[in-house]
Amino acid sequence: MTLPLAAYYGIALAVPLANGAAKQGAAFWKHAFVVFILPLIWIALGSAISGIVRTFRRGAQRDFANASTITAP
C-alpha cells in the first residue's frame, strides 16, 4: 500500500511542485492539503470498516459453530 500511495503523491504533488505550481500561492497549497489528507482518510475509513466486518464475521462463524453442536432434546 505504501508504494501506490507514494506514486500518487509523486504525481499529484511532486510533479506540480517541480513545475512551479507553488508560485500559485494559496490555491496550490489548499489543493495539496486535500490531495495529501483525503487518501489517508479513505485508507483509515476502509481499514475501520474492514475491521468491523471481520469482527462480525468471526462472531457469526462462532455462533454458527456453537449452534451446530447443540442437539435437540
N, C-alpha and C. Protein backbone atom coordinates (compact mmCIF):
# COMPACT_ATOMS: atom_id res chain seq x y z
N MET A 1 0.82 -1.18 0.00
CA MET A 1 0.00 0.00 0.00
C MET A 1 0.87 1.26 0.00
N THR A 2 2.05 1.18 0.51
CA THR A 2 2.91 2.35 0.59
C THR A 2 3.39 2.79 -0.80
N LEU A 3 3.75 1.86 -1.64
CA LEU A 3 4.25 2.22 -2.96
C LEU A 3 3.19 2.93 -3.82
N PRO A 4 1.96 2.42 -3.91
CA PRO A 4 0.96 3.15 -4.69
C PRO A 4 0.67 4.55 -4.13
N LEU A 5 0.65 4.67 -2.81
CA LEU A 5 0.41 5.98 -2.20
C LEU A 5 1.57 6.93 -2.49
N ALA A 6 2.78 6.43 -2.43
CA ALA A 6 3.94 7.26 -2.74
C ALA A 6 3.93 7.69 -4.21
N ALA A 7 3.54 6.78 -5.09
CA ALA A 7 3.45 7.12 -6.51
C ALA A 7 2.38 8.19 -6.74
N TYR A 8 1.25 8.04 -6.06
CA TYR A 8 0.17 9.03 -6.16
C TYR A 8 0.65 10.41 -5.70
N TYR A 9 1.31 10.44 -4.55
CA TYR A 9 1.82 11.72 -4.05
C TYR A 9 2.87 12.30 -4.99
N GLY A 10 3.67 11.44 -5.57
CA GLY A 10 4.69 11.91 -6.51
C GLY A 10 4.07 12.59 -7.73
N ILE A 11 3.03 11.96 -8.26
CA ILE A 11 2.37 12.52 -9.44
C ILE A 11 1.54 13.74 -9.08
N ALA A 12 0.78 13.64 -7.98
CA ALA A 12 -0.17 14.70 -7.64
C ALA A 12 0.47 15.90 -6.96
N LEU A 13 1.63 15.71 -6.32
CA LEU A 13 2.25 16.82 -5.60
C LEU A 13 3.66 17.16 -6.08
N ALA A 14 4.51 16.15 -6.20
CA ALA A 14 5.91 16.43 -6.52
C ALA A 14 6.08 16.98 -7.94
N VAL A 15 5.37 16.41 -8.89
CA VAL A 15 5.49 16.89 -10.27
C VAL A 15 5.02 18.35 -10.41
N PRO A 16 3.83 18.68 -9.87
CA PRO A 16 3.43 20.09 -9.95
C PRO A 16 4.39 21.03 -9.22
N LEU A 17 4.91 20.59 -8.10
CA LEU A 17 5.89 21.43 -7.39
C LEU A 17 7.13 21.65 -8.24
N ALA A 18 7.59 20.59 -8.89
CA ALA A 18 8.77 20.71 -9.75
C ALA A 18 8.51 21.64 -10.93
N ASN A 19 7.25 21.72 -11.36
CA ASN A 19 6.90 22.58 -12.48
C ASN A 19 6.54 24.01 -12.05
N GLY A 20 6.70 24.31 -10.78
CA GLY A 20 6.49 25.68 -10.31
C GLY A 20 5.08 26.00 -9.85
N ALA A 21 4.29 24.99 -9.50
CA ALA A 21 2.92 25.23 -9.06
C ALA A 21 2.85 25.99 -7.74
N ALA A 22 3.91 25.93 -6.97
CA ALA A 22 3.92 26.63 -5.68
C ALA A 22 3.81 28.14 -5.87
N LYS A 23 4.14 28.62 -7.05
CA LYS A 23 4.05 30.06 -7.33
C LYS A 23 2.60 30.54 -7.36
N GLN A 24 1.65 29.62 -7.47
CA GLN A 24 0.23 29.99 -7.48
C GLN A 24 -0.26 30.39 -6.10
N GLY A 25 0.54 30.14 -5.10
CA GLY A 25 0.21 30.56 -3.75
C GLY A 25 -0.78 29.66 -3.04
N ALA A 26 -1.75 30.30 -2.38
CA ALA A 26 -2.68 29.58 -1.51
C ALA A 26 -3.52 28.55 -2.26
N ALA A 27 -3.84 28.81 -3.50
CA ALA A 27 -4.67 27.87 -4.26
C ALA A 27 -3.99 26.51 -4.37
N PHE A 28 -2.70 26.52 -4.68
CA PHE A 28 -1.99 25.24 -4.78
C PHE A 28 -1.89 24.57 -3.43
N TRP A 29 -1.63 25.31 -2.38
CA TRP A 29 -1.43 24.71 -1.06
C TRP A 29 -2.74 24.14 -0.51
N LYS A 30 -3.86 24.77 -0.83
CA LYS A 30 -5.15 24.19 -0.45
C LYS A 30 -5.37 22.88 -1.19
N HIS A 31 -5.07 22.89 -2.48
CA HIS A 31 -5.18 21.67 -3.27
C HIS A 31 -4.24 20.59 -2.72
N ALA A 32 -3.02 20.96 -2.41
CA ALA A 32 -2.04 20.00 -1.90
C ALA A 32 -2.51 19.40 -0.58
N PHE A 33 -3.11 20.22 0.27
CA PHE A 33 -3.62 19.72 1.55
C PHE A 33 -4.70 18.66 1.32
N VAL A 34 -5.63 18.94 0.44
CA VAL A 34 -6.71 17.99 0.14
C VAL A 34 -6.14 16.72 -0.49
N VAL A 35 -5.23 16.88 -1.43
CA VAL A 35 -4.62 15.72 -2.10
C VAL A 35 -3.84 14.86 -1.11
N PHE A 36 -3.25 15.48 -0.10
CA PHE A 36 -2.48 14.74 0.89
C PHE A 36 -3.37 14.06 1.92
N ILE A 37 -4.40 14.76 2.39
CA ILE A 37 -5.21 14.26 3.50
C ILE A 37 -6.28 13.25 3.09
N LEU A 38 -6.97 13.49 1.98
CA LEU A 38 -8.08 12.61 1.60
C LEU A 38 -7.70 11.14 1.46
N PRO A 39 -6.60 10.80 0.80
CA PRO A 39 -6.26 9.36 0.73
C PRO A 39 -6.03 8.75 2.11
N LEU A 40 -5.46 9.51 3.02
CA LEU A 40 -5.23 8.99 4.37
C LEU A 40 -6.56 8.75 5.09
N ILE A 41 -7.52 9.65 4.89
CA ILE A 41 -8.85 9.48 5.48
C ILE A 41 -9.53 8.26 4.89
N TRP A 42 -9.46 8.11 3.57
CA TRP A 42 -10.10 6.95 2.92
C TRP A 42 -9.46 5.64 3.37
N ILE A 43 -8.14 5.63 3.52
CA ILE A 43 -7.46 4.42 3.98
C ILE A 43 -7.88 4.08 5.41
N ALA A 44 -7.93 5.08 6.28
CA ALA A 44 -8.34 4.84 7.66
C ALA A 44 -9.79 4.36 7.72
N LEU A 45 -10.66 4.98 6.95
CA LEU A 45 -12.07 4.59 6.92
C LEU A 45 -12.23 3.16 6.39
N GLY A 46 -11.53 2.85 5.32
CA GLY A 46 -11.59 1.50 4.76
C GLY A 46 -11.07 0.46 5.73
N SER A 47 -10.00 0.78 6.44
CA SER A 47 -9.44 -0.16 7.42
C SER A 47 -10.41 -0.37 8.56
N ALA A 48 -11.05 0.70 9.02
CA ALA A 48 -12.02 0.58 10.11
C ALA A 48 -13.21 -0.28 9.69
N ILE A 49 -13.73 -0.03 8.52
CA ILE A 49 -14.88 -0.81 8.04
C ILE A 49 -14.48 -2.27 7.86
N SER A 50 -13.31 -2.51 7.32
CA SER A 50 -12.83 -3.87 7.14
C SER A 50 -12.70 -4.59 8.48
N GLY A 51 -12.17 -3.90 9.48
CA GLY A 51 -12.04 -4.49 10.80
C GLY A 51 -13.39 -4.82 11.43
N ILE A 52 -14.35 -3.92 11.26
CA ILE A 52 -15.69 -4.16 11.79
C ILE A 52 -16.33 -5.36 11.10
N VAL A 53 -16.22 -5.44 9.78
CA VAL A 53 -16.79 -6.57 9.04
C VAL A 53 -16.14 -7.87 9.48
N ARG A 54 -14.81 -7.87 9.62
CA ARG A 54 -14.12 -9.09 10.06
C ARG A 54 -14.59 -9.52 11.44
N THR A 55 -14.77 -8.56 12.34
CA THR A 55 -15.22 -8.88 13.69
C THR A 55 -16.61 -9.51 13.67
N PHE A 56 -17.52 -8.94 12.88
CA PHE A 56 -18.87 -9.50 12.79
C PHE A 56 -18.85 -10.88 12.15
N ARG A 57 -18.01 -11.08 11.16
CA ARG A 57 -17.94 -12.40 10.52
C ARG A 57 -17.42 -13.45 11.48
N ARG A 58 -16.40 -13.09 12.26
CA ARG A 58 -15.88 -14.05 13.24
C ARG A 58 -16.94 -14.41 14.26
N GLY A 59 -17.70 -13.40 14.70
CA GLY A 59 -18.77 -13.65 15.66
C GLY A 59 -19.85 -14.53 15.06
N ALA A 60 -20.22 -14.30 13.80
CA ALA A 60 -21.24 -15.12 13.14
C ALA A 60 -20.74 -16.54 12.95
N GLN A 61 -19.48 -16.73 12.61
CA GLN A 61 -18.93 -18.07 12.45
C GLN A 61 -18.93 -18.80 13.78
N ARG A 62 -18.57 -18.08 14.86
CA ARG A 62 -18.55 -18.67 16.19
C ARG A 62 -19.96 -19.07 16.61
N ASP A 63 -20.94 -18.21 16.35
CA ASP A 63 -22.33 -18.52 16.69
C ASP A 63 -22.83 -19.72 15.90
N PHE A 64 -22.47 -19.79 14.62
CA PHE A 64 -22.89 -20.91 13.79
C PHE A 64 -22.26 -22.21 14.29
N ALA A 65 -20.99 -22.17 14.67
CA ALA A 65 -20.31 -23.36 15.17
C ALA A 65 -20.94 -23.82 16.48
N ASN A 66 -21.29 -22.89 17.34
CA ASN A 66 -21.92 -23.25 18.62
C ASN A 66 -23.32 -23.79 18.38
N ALA A 67 -24.04 -23.26 17.44
CA ALA A 67 -25.41 -23.70 17.15
C ALA A 67 -25.41 -25.12 16.58
N SER A 68 -24.40 -25.46 15.81
CA SER A 68 -24.38 -26.79 15.20
C SER A 68 -24.03 -27.89 16.20
N THR A 69 -23.49 -27.54 17.36
CA THR A 69 -23.15 -28.55 18.35
C THR A 69 -24.30 -28.79 19.32
N ILE A 70 -25.32 -27.95 19.28
CA ILE A 70 -26.48 -28.13 20.16
C ILE A 70 -27.39 -29.20 19.55
N THR A 71 -27.77 -30.15 20.37
CA THR A 71 -28.66 -31.20 19.87
C THR A 71 -30.05 -31.00 20.45
N ALA A 72 -31.02 -31.43 19.72
CA ALA A 72 -32.42 -31.30 20.16
C ALA A 72 -32.67 -32.35 21.24
N PRO A 73 -33.52 -32.01 22.23
CA PRO A 73 -33.80 -32.99 23.32
C PRO A 73 -34.64 -34.15 22.87
